[in-house]
Amino acid sequence: MAQGSLKLKKNNKPKGGKEKKGVVKKGARKIAPKQPALVQKRALDKKLTAQINRSIERQMSVKANAVGKLTIMKKLAEEKTEDKKIKRSSNSRLT
């Protein structure tokens, strides 16, 4: 005879309510946070970061405006470079 007793199967208890399969609700999903204090901290950090970035952008724009007029137009930039090339070539011929 075999030694030891036989292991009996445990009864599987249902772990929760019935799951609805195939039914998906429309809209975005939002999972409630487990630690609301961390959520508040992240929101505060995000707000402070935005304020810091805004102030840095303001400072940079003030410095840029103090230097002179900034243009992003390609044609104006090309014209200025062509003028510089003409001046350089005319100066080199004189010497």
PDB file of N, CA and C in Angstrom:
ATOM      1  N   MET A   1       0.819  -1.193   0.000  1.00  0.00           N
ATOM      2  CA  MET A   1       0.000   0.000   0.000  1.00  0.00           C
ATOM      3  C   MET A   1       0.862   1.257   0.000  1.00  0.00           C
ATOM      4  N   ALA A   2       0.314   2.318  -0.597  1.00  0.00           N
ATOM      5  CA  ALA A   2       1.016   3.592  -0.635  1.00  0.00           C
ATOM      6  C   ALA A   2       0.937   4.268   0.720  1.00  0.00           C
ATOM      7  N   GLN A   3       2.013   4.911   1.057  1.00  0.00           N
ATOM      8  CA  GLN A   3       2.026   5.579   2.354  1.00  0.00           C
ATOM      9  C   GLN A   3       1.441   6.980   2.228  1.00  0.00           C
ATOM     10  N   GLY A   4       0.820   7.466   3.251  1.00  0.00           N
ATOM     11  CA  GLY A   4       0.246   8.806   3.277  1.00  0.00           C
ATOM     12  C   GLY A   4      -1.163   8.814   2.750  1.00  0.00           C
ATOM     13  N   SER A   5      -1.858   9.863   3.083  1.00  0.00           N
ATOM     14  CA  SER A   5      -3.246   9.962   2.639  1.00  0.00           C
ATOM     15  C   SER A   5      -3.325  10.738   1.327  1.00  0.00           C
ATOM     16  N   LEU A   6      -4.417  10.585   0.628  1.00  0.00           N
ATOM     17  CA  LEU A   6      -4.614  11.292  -0.631  1.00  0.00           C
ATOM     18  C   LEU A   6      -4.964  12.757  -0.375  1.00  0.00           C
ATOM     19  N   LYS A   7      -4.485  13.626  -1.260  1.00  0.00           N
ATOM     20  CA  LYS A   7      -4.815  15.042  -1.130  1.00  0.00           C
ATOM     21  C   LYS A   7      -6.164  15.287  -1.770  1.00  0.00           C
ATOM     22  N   LEU A   8      -7.020  15.955  -1.052  1.00  0.00           N
ATOM     23  CA  LEU A   8      -8.352  16.241  -1.558  1.00  0.00           C
ATOM     24  C   LEU A   8      -8.359  17.587  -2.280  1.00  0.00           C
ATOM     25  N   LYS A   9      -9.224  17.706  -3.295  1.00  0.00           N
ATOM     26  CA  LYS A   9      -9.356  18.973  -4.013  1.00  0.00           C
ATOM     27  C   LYS A   9     -10.060  19.988  -3.135  1.00  0.00           C
ATOM     28  N   LYS A  10      -9.606  21.230  -3.190  1.00  0.00           N
ATOM     29  CA  LYS A  10     -10.281  22.299  -2.467  1.00  0.00           C
ATOM     30  C   LYS A  10     -11.415  22.811  -3.331  1.00  0.00           C
ATOM     31  N   ASN A  11     -12.478  23.213  -2.698  1.00  0.00           N
ATOM     32  CA  ASN A  11     -13.596  23.780  -3.450  1.00  0.00           C
ATOM     33  C   ASN A  11     -13.237  25.201  -3.890  1.00  0.00           C
ATOM     34  N   ASN A  12     -13.397  25.469  -5.160  1.00  0.00           N
ATOM     35  CA  ASN A  12     -13.117  26.808  -5.676  1.00  0.00           C
ATOM     36  C   ASN A  12     -14.304  27.715  -5.377  1.00  0.00           C
ATOM     37  N   LYS A  13     -14.049  28.746  -4.603  1.00  0.00           N
ATOM     38  CA  LYS A  13     -15.104  29.701  -4.284  1.00  0.00           C
ATOM     39  C   LYS A  13     -15.076  30.807  -5.337  1.00  0.00           C
ATOM     40  N   PRO A  14     -16.217  31.346  -5.709  1.00  0.00           N
ATOM     41  CA  PRO A  14     -16.208  32.470  -6.649  1.00  0.00           C
ATOM     42  C   PRO A  14     -15.537  33.685  -6.014  1.00  0.00           C
ATOM     43  N   LYS A  15     -14.699  34.364  -6.801  1.00  0.00           N
ATOM     44  CA  LYS A  15     -13.905  35.470  -6.268  1.00  0.00           C
ATOM     45  C   LYS A  15     -14.644  36.796  -6.258  1.00  0.00           C
ATOM     46  N   GLY A  16     -15.734  36.887  -6.903  1.00  0.00           N
ATOM     47  CA  GLY A  16     -16.452  38.151  -6.927  1.00  0.00           C
ATOM     48  C   GLY A  16     -17.761  37.968  -7.638  1.00  0.00           C
ATOM     49  N   GLY A  17     -18.337  39.069  -8.061  1.00  0.00           N
ATOM     50  CA  GLY A  17     -19.588  39.005  -8.794  1.00  0.00           C
ATOM     51  C   GLY A  17     -19.367  38.472 -10.190  1.00  0.00           C
ATOM     52  N   LYS A  18     -20.424  38.323 -10.926  1.00  0.00           N
ATOM     53  CA  LYS A  18     -20.322  37.832 -12.303  1.00  0.00           C
ATOM     54  C   LYS A  18     -19.620  38.865 -13.176  1.00  0.00           C
ATOM     55  N   GLU A  19     -18.807  38.388 -14.059  1.00  0.00           N
ATOM     56  CA  GLU A  19     -18.155  39.283 -15.005  1.00  0.00           C
ATOM     57  C   GLU A  19     -18.996  39.373 -16.259  1.00  0.00           C
ATOM     58  N   LYS A  20     -19.197  40.588 -16.719  1.00  0.00           N
ATOM     59  CA  LYS A  20     -19.935  40.777 -17.964  1.00  0.00           C
ATOM     60  C   LYS A  20     -18.917  40.775 -19.093  1.00  0.00           C
ATOM     61  N   LYS A  21     -19.038  39.826 -19.961  1.00  0.00           N
ATOM     62  CA  LYS A  21     -18.098  39.739 -21.072  1.00  0.00           C
ATOM     63  C   LYS A  21     -18.739  40.319 -22.317  1.00  0.00           C
ATOM     64  N   GLY A  22     -17.957  41.086 -23.058  1.00  0.00           N
ATOM     65  CA  GLY A  22     -18.439  41.611 -24.324  1.00  0.00           C
ATOM     66  C   GLY A  22     -19.171  42.932 -24.215  1.00  0.00           C
ATOM     67  N   VAL A  23     -19.431  43.424 -23.007  1.00  0.00           N
ATOM     68  CA  VAL A  23     -20.127  44.696 -22.857  1.00  0.00           C
ATOM     69  C   VAL A  23     -19.095  45.743 -22.460  1.00  0.00           C
ATOM     70  N   VAL A  24     -18.837  46.684 -23.373  1.00  0.00           N
ATOM     71  CA  VAL A  24     -17.852  47.720 -23.119  1.00  0.00           C
ATOM     72  C   VAL A  24     -18.560  49.066 -23.146  1.00  0.00           C
ATOM     73  N   LYS A  25     -18.377  49.833 -22.089  1.00  0.00           N
ATOM     74  CA  LYS A  25     -19.001  51.147 -22.027  1.00  0.00           C
ATOM     75  C   LYS A  25     -18.171  52.145 -22.822  1.00  0.00           C
ATOM     76  N   LYS A  26     -18.849  53.134 -23.377  1.00  0.00           N
ATOM     77  CA  LYS A  26     -18.166  54.172 -24.138  1.00  0.00           C
ATOM     78  C   LYS A  26     -17.558  55.191 -23.185  1.00  0.00           C
ATOM     79  N   GLY A  27     -16.541  55.901 -23.688  1.00  0.00           N
ATOM     80  CA  GLY A  27     -15.952  56.985 -22.914  1.00  0.00           C
ATOM     81  C   GLY A  27     -14.611  56.610 -22.311  1.00  0.00           C
ATOM     82  N   ALA A  28     -13.978  57.617 -21.754  1.00  0.00           N
ATOM     83  CA  ALA A  28     -12.655  57.432 -21.167  1.00  0.00           C
ATOM     84  C   ALA A  28     -12.764  56.687 -19.848  1.00  0.00           C
ATOM     85  N   ARG A  29     -11.713  55.983 -19.504  1.00  0.00           N
ATOM     86  CA  ARG A  29     -11.684  55.242 -18.256  1.00  0.00           C
ATOM     87  C   ARG A  29     -10.892  56.046 -17.230  1.00  0.00           C
ATOM     88  N   LYS A  30     -11.363  56.056 -16.027  1.00  0.00           N
ATOM     89  CA  LYS A  30     -10.641  56.745 -14.972  1.00  0.00           C
ATOM     90  C   LYS A  30     -10.589  55.824 -13.767  1.00  0.00           C
ATOM     91  N   ILE A  31      -9.399  55.492 -13.354  1.00  0.00           N
ATOM     92  CA  ILE A  31      -9.221  54.620 -12.205  1.00  0.00           C
ATOM     93  C   ILE A  31      -8.926  55.503 -11.000  1.00  0.00           C
ATOM     94  N   ALA A  32      -9.678  55.312  -9.942  1.00  0.00           N
ATOM     95  CA  ALA A  32      -9.501  56.125  -8.744  1.00  0.00           C
ATOM     96  C   ALA A  32      -8.134  55.850  -8.136  1.00  0.00           C
ATOM     97  N   PRO A  33      -7.411  56.892  -7.735  1.00  0.00           N
ATOM     98  CA  PRO A  33      -6.082  56.691  -7.169  1.00  0.00           C
ATOM     99  C   PRO A  33      -6.160  56.064  -5.782  1.00  0.00           C
ATOM    100  N   LYS A  34      -5.147  55.285  -5.463  1.00  0.00           N
ATOM    101  CA  LYS A  34      -5.109  54.650  -4.151  1.00  0.00           C
ATOM    102  C   LYS A  34      -4.560  55.605  -3.101  1.00  0.00           C
ATOM    103  N   GLN A  35      -3.770  56.579  -3.544  1.00  0.00           N
ATOM    104  CA  GLN A  35      -3.189  57.531  -2.603  1.00  0.00           C
ATOM    105  C   GLN A  35      -3.504  58.951  -3.066  1.00  0.00           C
ATOM    106  N   PRO A  36      -4.602  59.525  -2.579  1.00  0.00           N
ATOM    107  CA  PRO A  36      -4.990  60.865  -3.032  1.00  0.00           C
ATOM    108  C   PRO A  36      -3.969  61.942  -2.689  1.00  0.00           C
ATOM    109  N   ALA A  37      -3.170  61.737  -1.653  1.00  0.00           N
ATOM    110  CA  ALA A  37      -2.151  62.727  -1.301  1.00  0.00           C
ATOM    111  C   ALA A  37      -1.119  62.845  -2.416  1.00  0.00           C
ATOM    112  N   LEU A  38      -0.760  61.712  -3.034  1.00  0.00           N
ATOM    113  CA  LEU A  38       0.204  61.759  -4.139  1.00  0.00           C
ATOM    114  C   LEU A  38      -0.382  62.467  -5.349  1.00  0.00           C
ATOM    115  N   VAL A  39      -1.677  62.288  -5.564  1.00  0.00           N
ATOM    116  CA  VAL A  39      -2.327  62.958  -6.688  1.00  0.00           C
ATOM    117  C   VAL A  39      -2.283  64.462  -6.484  1.00  0.00           C
ATOM    118  N   GLN A  40      -2.553  64.914  -5.267  1.00  0.00           N
ATOM    119  CA  GLN A  40      -2.498  66.348  -4.980  1.00  0.00           C
ATOM    120  C   GLN A  40      -1.079  66.874  -5.153  1.00  0.00           C
ATOM    121  N   LYS A  41      -0.100  66.093  -4.723  1.00  0.00           N
ATOM    122  CA  LYS A  41       1.297  66.505  -4.857  1.00  0.00           C
ATOM    123  C   LYS A  41       1.681  66.640  -6.329  1.00  0.00           C
ATOM    124  N   ARG A  42       1.250  65.667  -7.155  1.00  0.00           N
ATOM    125  CA  ARG A  42       1.562  65.739  -8.586  1.00  0.00           C
ATOM    126  C   ARG A  42       0.896  66.938  -9.235  1.00  0.00           C
ATOM    127  N   ALA A  43      -0.345  67.227  -8.827  1.00  0.00           N
ATOM    128  CA  ALA A  43      -1.050  68.376  -9.388  1.00  0.00           C
ATOM    129  C   ALA A  43      -0.330  69.666  -9.023  1.00  0.00           C
ATOM    130  N   LEU A  44       0.137  69.766  -7.784  1.00  0.00           N
ATOM    131  CA  LEU A  44       0.873  70.950  -7.349  1.00  0.00           C
ATOM    132  C   LEU A  44       2.182  71.077  -8.115  1.00  0.00           C
ATOM    133  N   ASP A  45       2.902  69.960  -8.277  1.00  0.00           N
ATOM    134  CA  ASP A  45       4.155  69.977  -9.037  1.00  0.00           C
ATOM    135  C   ASP A  45       3.919  70.434 -10.470  1.00  0.00           C
ATOM    136  N   LYS A  46       2.847  69.944 -11.066  1.00  0.00           N
ATOM    137  CA  LYS A  46       2.525  70.313 -12.444  1.00  0.00           C
ATOM    138  C   LYS A  46       2.239  71.809 -12.548  1.00  0.00           C
ATOM    139  N   LYS A  47       1.499  72.330 -11.578  1.00  0.00           N
ATOM    140  CA  LYS A  47       1.162  73.756 -11.575  1.00  0.00           C
ATOM    141  C   LYS A  47       2.423  74.607 -11.409  1.00  0.00           C
ATOM    142  N   LEU A  48       3.285  74.217 -10.471  1.00  0.00           N
ATOM    143  CA  LEU A  48       4.517  74.970 -10.238  1.00  0.00           C
ATOM    144  C   LEU A  48       5.441  74.917 -11.447  1.00  0.00           C
ATOM    145  N   THR A  49       5.532  73.763 -12.080  1.00  0.00           N
ATOM    146  CA  THR A  49       6.365  73.628 -13.274  1.00  0.00           C
ATOM    147  C   THR A  49       5.864  74.542 -14.382  1.00  0.00           C
ATOM    148  N   ALA A  50       4.553  74.607 -14.549  1.00  0.00           N
ATOM    149  CA  ALA A  50       3.981  75.481 -15.571  1.00  0.00           C
ATOM    150  C   ALA A  50       4.295  76.940 -15.270  1.00  0.00           C
ATOM    151  N   GLN A  51       4.199  77.343 -13.999  1.00  0.00           N
ATOM    152  CA  GLN A  51       4.508  78.723 -13.627  1.00  0.00           C
ATOM    153  C   GLN A  51       5.977  79.042 -13.881  1.00  0.00           C
ATOM    154  N   ILE A  52       6.844  78.119 -13.530  1.00  0.00           N
ATOM    155  CA  ILE A  52       8.279  78.333 -13.739  1.00  0.00           C
ATOM    156  C   ILE A  52       8.581  78.469 -15.228  1.00  0.00           C
ATOM    157  N   ASN A  53       7.998  77.597 -16.047  1.00  0.00           N
ATOM    158  CA  ASN A  53       8.228  77.659 -17.494  1.00  0.00           C
ATOM    159  C   ASN A  53       7.728  78.975 -18.066  1.00  0.00           C
ATOM    160  N   ARG A  54       6.554  79.430 -17.598  1.00  0.00           N
ATOM    161  CA  ARG A  54       6.019  80.705 -18.089  1.00  0.00           C
ATOM    162  C   ARG A  54       6.952  81.855 -17.743  1.00  0.00           C
ATOM    163  N   SER A  55       7.471  81.862 -16.507  1.00  0.00           N
ATOM    164  CA  SER A  55       8.349  82.960 -16.108  1.00  0.00           C
ATOM    165  C   SER A  55       9.656  82.928 -16.905  1.00  0.00           C
ATOM    166  N   ILE A  56      10.184  81.738 -17.166  1.00  0.00           N
ATOM    167  CA  ILE A  56      11.414  81.626 -17.958  1.00  0.00           C
ATOM    168  C   ILE A  56      11.173  82.130 -19.377  1.00  0.00           C
ATOM    169  N   GLU A  57      10.027  81.758 -19.958  1.00  0.00           N
ATOM    170  CA  GLU A  57       9.711  82.222 -21.311  1.00  0.00           C
ATOM    171  C   GLU A  57       9.575  83.737 -21.353  1.00  0.00           C
ATOM    172  N   ARG A  58       8.967  84.312 -20.324  1.00  0.00           N
ATOM    173  CA  ARG A  58       8.847  85.776 -20.276  1.00  0.00           C
ATOM    174  C   ARG A  58      10.222  86.425 -20.217  1.00  0.00           C
ATOM    175  N   GLN A  59      11.101  85.897 -19.359  1.00  0.00           N
ATOM    176  CA  GLN A  59      12.447  86.451 -19.233  1.00  0.00           C
ATOM    177  C   GLN A  59      13.206  86.358 -20.554  1.00  0.00           C
ATOM    178  N   MET A  60      13.082  85.221 -21.217  1.00  0.00           N
ATOM    179  CA  MET A  60      13.776  85.052 -22.495  1.00  0.00           C
ATOM    180  C   MET A  60      13.233  86.010 -23.546  1.00  0.00           C
ATOM    181  N   SER A  61      11.922  86.216 -23.565  1.00  0.00           N
ATOM    182  CA  SER A  61      11.354  87.129 -24.557  1.00  0.00           C
ATOM    183  C   SER A  61      11.780  88.563 -24.274  1.00  0.00           C
ATOM    184  N   VAL A  62      11.887  88.932 -22.999  1.00  0.00           N
ATOM    185  CA  VAL A  62      12.343  90.282 -22.654  1.00  0.00           C
ATOM    186  C   VAL A  62      13.779  90.479 -23.119  1.00  0.00           C
ATOM    187  N   LYS A  63      14.625  89.476 -22.888  1.00  0.00           N
ATOM    188  CA  LYS A  63      16.020  89.580 -23.328  1.00  0.00           C
ATOM    189  C   LYS A  63      16.116  89.648 -24.849  1.00  0.00           C
ATOM    190  N   ALA A  64      15.297  88.855 -25.521  1.00  0.00           N
ATOM    191  CA  ALA A  64      15.333  88.844 -26.985  1.00  0.00           C
ATOM    192  C   ALA A  64      14.853  90.175 -27.544  1.00  0.00           C
ATOM    193  N   ASN A  65      13.831  90.753 -26.941  1.00  0.00           N
ATOM    194  CA  ASN A  65      13.323  92.040 -27.410  1.00  0.00           C
ATOM    195  C   ASN A  65      14.309  93.161 -27.132  1.00  0.00           C
ATOM    196  N   ALA A  66      15.113  93.041 -26.081  1.00  0.00           N
ATOM    197  CA  ALA A  66      16.092  94.063 -25.756  1.00  0.00           C
ATOM    198  C   ALA A  66      17.210  94.095 -26.794  1.00  0.00           C
ATOM    199  N   VAL A  67      17.537  92.952 -27.367  1.00  0.00           N
ATOM    200  CA  VAL A  67      18.620  92.880 -28.348  1.00  0.00           C
ATOM    201  C   VAL A  67      18.208  93.551 -29.647  1.00  0.00           C
ATOM    202  N   GLY A  68      17.034  93.278 -30.105  1.00  0.00           N
ATOM    203  CA  GLY A  68      16.573  93.869 -31.351  1.00  0.00           C
ATOM    204  C   GLY A  68      15.416  93.093 -31.908  1.00  0.00           C
ATOM    205  N   LYS A  69      14.994  93.506 -33.077  1.00  0.00           N
ATOM    206  CA  LYS A  69      13.839  92.870 -33.693  1.00  0.00           C
ATOM    207  C   LYS A  69      14.236  91.495 -34.229  1.00  0.00           C
ATOM    208  N   LEU A  70      13.442  90.509 -33.882  1.00  0.00           N
ATOM    209  CA  LEU A  70      13.697  89.155 -34.355  1.00  0.00           C
ATOM    210  C   LEU A  70      12.747  88.839 -35.499  1.00  0.00           C
ATOM    211  N   THR A  71      13.292  88.291 -36.582  1.00  0.00           N
ATOM    212  CA  THR A  71      12.441  87.893 -37.699  1.00  0.00           C
ATOM    213  C   THR A  71      12.675  86.425 -37.989  1.00  0.00           C
ATOM    214  N   ILE A  72      11.612  85.759 -38.349  1.00  0.00           N
ATOM    215  CA  ILE A  72      11.715  84.342 -38.675  1.00  0.00           C
ATOM    216  C   ILE A  72      11.459  84.139 -40.163  1.00  0.00           C
ATOM    217  N   MET A  73      11.169  85.198 -40.865  1.00  0.00           N
ATOM    218  CA  MET A  73      10.853  85.083 -42.286  1.00  0.00           C
ATOM    219  C   MET A  73      12.094  84.683 -43.067  1.00  0.00           C
ATOM    220  N   LYS A  74      11.945  83.695 -43.908  1.00  0.00           N
ATOM    221  CA  LYS A  74      13.072  83.133 -44.635  1.00  0.00           C
ATOM    222  C   LYS A  74      13.617  84.114 -45.679  1.00  0.00           C
ATOM    223  N   LYS A  75      12.735  84.808 -46.376  1.00  0.00           N
ATOM    224  CA  LYS A  75      13.181  85.712 -47.438  1.00  0.00           C
ATOM    225  C   LYS A  75      14.051  86.836 -46.889  1.00  0.00           C
ATOM    226  N   LEU A  76      13.642  87.422 -45.768  1.00  0.00           N
ATOM    227  CA  LEU A  76      14.429  88.504 -45.187  1.00  0.00           C
ATOM    228  C   LEU A  76      15.808  88.010 -44.766  1.00  0.00           C
ATOM    229  N   ALA A  77      15.859  86.831 -44.210  1.00  0.00           N
ATOM    230  CA  ALA A  77      17.138  86.278 -43.776  1.00  0.00           C
ATOM    231  C   ALA A  77      18.040  86.012 -44.975  1.00  0.00           C
ATOM    232  N   GLU A  78      17.473  85.507 -46.073  1.00  0.00           N
ATOM    233  CA  GLU A  78      18.268  85.235 -47.272  1.00  0.00           C
ATOM    234  C   GLU A  78      18.795  86.526 -47.887  1.00  0.00           C
ATOM    235  N   GLU A  79      17.968  87.572 -47.905  1.00  0.00           N
ATOM    236  CA  GLU A  79      18.404  88.852 -48.465  1.00  0.00           C
ATOM    237  C   GLU A  79      19.583  89.406 -47.677  1.00  0.00           C
ATOM    238  N   LYS A  80      19.525  89.303 -46.373  1.00  0.00           N
ATOM    239  CA  LYS A  80      20.614  89.822 -45.550  1.00  0.00           C
ATOM    240  C   LYS A  80      21.905  89.046 -45.805  1.00  0.00           C
ATOM    241  N   THR A  81      21.813  87.735 -45.968  1.00  0.00           N
ATOM    242  CA  THR A  81      23.022  86.953 -46.225  1.00  0.00           C
ATOM    243  C   THR A  81      23.592  87.280 -47.603  1.00  0.00           C
ATOM    244  N   GLU A  82      22.719  87.529 -48.585  1.00  0.00           N
ATOM    245  CA  GLU A  82      23.201  87.905 -49.918  1.00  0.00           C
ATOM    246  C   GLU A  82      23.901  89.256 -49.873  1.00  0.00           C
ATOM    247  N   ASP A  83      23.343  90.206 -49.105  1.00  0.00           N
ATOM    248  CA  ASP A  83      23.974  91.515 -48.968  1.00  0.00           C
ATOM    249  C   ASP A  83      25.362  91.382 -48.354  1.00  0.00           C
ATOM    250  N   LYS A  84      25.494  90.524 -47.368  1.00  0.00           N
ATOM    251  CA  LYS A  84      26.789  90.326 -46.725  1.00  0.00           C
ATOM    252  C   LYS A  84      27.788  89.722 -47.705  1.00  0.00           C
ATOM    253  N   LYS A  85      27.331  88.788 -48.554  1.00  0.00           N
ATOM    254  CA  LYS A  85      28.217  88.168 -49.536  1.00  0.00           C
ATOM    255  C   LYS A  85      28.702  89.204 -50.544  1.00  0.00           C
ATOM    256  N   ILE A  86      27.801  90.084 -50.965  1.00  0.00           N
ATOM    257  CA  ILE A  86      28.172  91.120 -51.929  1.00  0.00           C
ATOM    258  C   ILE A  86      29.201  92.054 -51.315  1.00  0.00           C
ATOM    259  N   LYS A  87      28.992  92.452 -50.066  1.00  0.00           N
ATOM    260  CA  LYS A  87      29.936  93.355 -49.406  1.00  0.00           C
ATOM    261  C   LYS A  87      31.297  92.698 -49.267  1.00  0.00           C
ATOM    262  N   ARG A  88      31.337  91.428 -48.924  1.00  0.00           N
ATOM    263  CA  ARG A  88      32.608  90.720 -48.765  1.00  0.00           C
ATOM    264  C   ARG A  88      33.342  90.631 -50.100  1.00  0.00           C
ATOM    265  N   SER A  89      32.604  90.318 -51.151  1.00  0.00           N
ATOM    266  CA  SER A  89      33.257  90.184 -52.449  1.00  0.00           C
ATOM    267  C   SER A  89      33.770  91.536 -52.941  1.00  0.00           C
ATOM    268  N   SER A  90      33.031  92.613 -52.683  1.00  0.00           N
ATOM    269  CA  SER A  90      33.483  93.932 -53.123  1.00  0.00           C
ATOM    270  C   SER A  90      34.693  94.375 -52.316  1.00  0.00           C
ATOM    271  N   ASN A  91      34.751  94.042 -51.059  1.00  0.00           N
ATOM    272  CA  ASN A  91      35.898  94.399 -50.225  1.00  0.00           C
ATOM    273  C   ASN A  91      37.145  93.636 -50.653  1.00  0.00           C
ATOM    274  N   SER A  92      36.994  92.403 -51.065  1.00  0.00           N
ATOM    275  CA  SER A  92      38.158  91.610 -51.443  1.00  0.00           C
ATOM    276  C   SER A  92      38.755  92.101 -52.759  1.00  0.00           C
ATOM    277  N   ARG A  93      37.945  92.680 -53.628  1.00  0.00           N
ATOM    278  CA  ARG A  93      38.457  93.185 -54.904  1.00  0.00           C
ATOM    279  C   ARG A  93      39.253  94.472 -54.712  1.00  0.00           C
ATOM    280  N   LEU A  94      38.874  95.236 -53.700  1.00  0.00           N
ATOM    281  CA  LEU A  94      39.550  96.508 -53.476  1.00  0.00           C
ATOM    282  C   LEU A  94      40.971  96.319 -52.971  1.00  0.00           C
ATOM    283  N   THR A  95      41.233  95.259 -52.265  1.00  0.00           N
ATOM    284  CA  THR A  95      42.569  95.104 -51.684  1.00  0.00           C
ATOM    285  C   THR A  95      43.508  94.360 -52.578  1.00  0.00           C
TER     286      THR A  95
END
